[in-house]
């Protein structure tokens, strides 16, 4: 049987990832496959949060909602995010 750990084992690795400037990261759009820096996305602010869309095909890449005591982040429109160390 394969041994597994719970998600807490990700804490160190994820804290390293989310401590960097994510706008410099390159993201791959799930819609058209274009890979480009997150900073090149088209961001709309007239929603209940921020909506980032692909500059190539207008696919929603990410949403970020500030809900006061928490932040809700979806990266559902990205198939990959590449961060430089």
Protein backbone atom coordinates (compact mmCIF):
# COMPACT_ATOMS: atom_id res chain seq x y z
CA UNK A 1 0.00 0.00 0.00
CA UNK A 2 1.25 3.50 -0.85
CA UNK A 3 1.81 5.75 2.15
CA UNK A 4 0.51 9.30 1.96
CA UNK A 5 0.68 12.44 4.09
CA UNK A 6 -1.97 15.11 4.52
CA UNK A 7 -1.90 18.51 2.81
CA UNK A 8 0.03 20.11 5.67
CA UNK A 9 3.22 18.76 4.13
CA UNK A 10 2.76 21.37 1.36
CA UNK A 11 3.10 24.32 3.78
CA UNK A 12 6.81 24.94 3.26
CA UNK A 13 6.79 24.56 -0.52
CA UNK A 14 3.68 26.69 -0.99
CA UNK A 15 4.95 29.46 1.30
CA UNK A 16 8.00 29.70 -0.96
CA UNK A 17 5.80 29.94 -4.07
CA UNK A 18 3.30 32.48 -2.74
CA UNK A 19 5.98 34.73 -1.23
CA UNK A 20 7.20 35.81 -4.69
CA UNK A 21 5.82 38.36 -7.17
CA UNK A 22 3.29 36.21 -9.01
CA UNK A 23 2.76 38.82 -11.74
CA UNK A 24 6.24 37.93 -13.01
CA UNK A 25 5.23 34.26 -13.25
CA UNK A 26 4.27 32.76 -16.60
CA UNK A 27 0.86 31.17 -16.86
CA UNK A 28 -0.57 28.80 -19.49
CA UNK A 29 -4.16 29.52 -20.53
CA UNK A 30 -6.51 26.54 -20.35
CA UNK A 31 -8.48 27.96 -23.30
CA UNK A 32 -5.90 28.64 -26.01
CA UNK A 33 -2.65 27.32 -24.51
CA UNK A 34 -0.86 30.68 -24.74
CA UNK A 35 1.91 31.03 -22.17
CA UNK A 36 2.74 34.55 -21.05
CA UNK A 37 3.55 36.55 -17.91
CA UNK A 38 0.59 37.01 -15.58
CA UNK A 39 1.27 40.77 -15.81
CA UNK A 40 0.11 40.67 -19.47
CA UNK A 41 -3.38 39.44 -18.56
CA UNK A 42 -6.32 41.81 -19.01
CA UNK A 43 -7.68 42.52 -15.52
CA UNK A 44 -11.21 43.77 -14.94
CA UNK A 45 -12.10 45.45 -11.67
CA UNK A 46 -15.82 46.08 -12.18
CA UNK A 47 -16.82 42.75 -10.65
CA UNK A 48 -17.11 41.76 -6.98
CA UNK A 49 -13.35 41.12 -7.19
CA UNK A 50 -10.57 41.07 -9.76
CA UNK A 51 -11.00 39.02 -12.94
CA UNK A 52 -7.90 38.26 -15.03
CA UNK A 53 -8.50 37.23 -18.65
CA UNK A 54 -6.15 35.86 -21.29
CA UNK A 55 -4.93 38.54 -23.71
CA UNK A 56 -5.05 35.93 -26.49
CA UNK A 57 -8.56 34.44 -26.19
CA UNK A 58 -10.36 36.29 -23.34
CA UNK A 59 -10.63 33.10 -21.22
CA UNK A 60 -10.93 33.79 -17.48
CA UNK A 61 -7.54 32.85 -16.03
CA UNK A 62 -7.97 33.84 -12.40
CA UNK A 63 -10.34 35.54 -9.99
CA UNK A 64 -9.48 37.11 -6.68
CA UNK A 65 -12.12 38.26 -4.21
CA UNK A 66 -11.33 40.13 -1.00
CA UNK A 67 -13.98 38.94 1.44
CA UNK A 68 -12.77 40.91 4.45
CA UNK A 69 -11.42 38.26 6.78
CA UNK A 70 -10.38 35.97 3.92
CA UNK A 71 -9.28 36.05 0.27
CA UNK A 72 -10.78 33.72 -2.32
CA UNK A 73 -8.46 32.89 -5.21
CA UNK A 74 -9.27 30.76 -8.24
CA UNK A 75 -6.67 29.87 -10.86
CA UNK A 76 -9.07 27.55 -12.70
CA UNK A 77 -8.30 29.05 -16.13
CA UNK A 78 -4.59 28.26 -15.87
CA UNK A 79 -3.21 24.82 -16.60
CA UNK A 80 0.23 25.75 -15.24
CA UNK A 81 2.05 28.58 -13.46
CA UNK A 82 5.84 28.84 -13.80
CA UNK A 83 7.69 30.83 -11.14
CA UNK A 84 11.40 31.71 -11.25
CA UNK A 85 13.45 31.25 -8.10
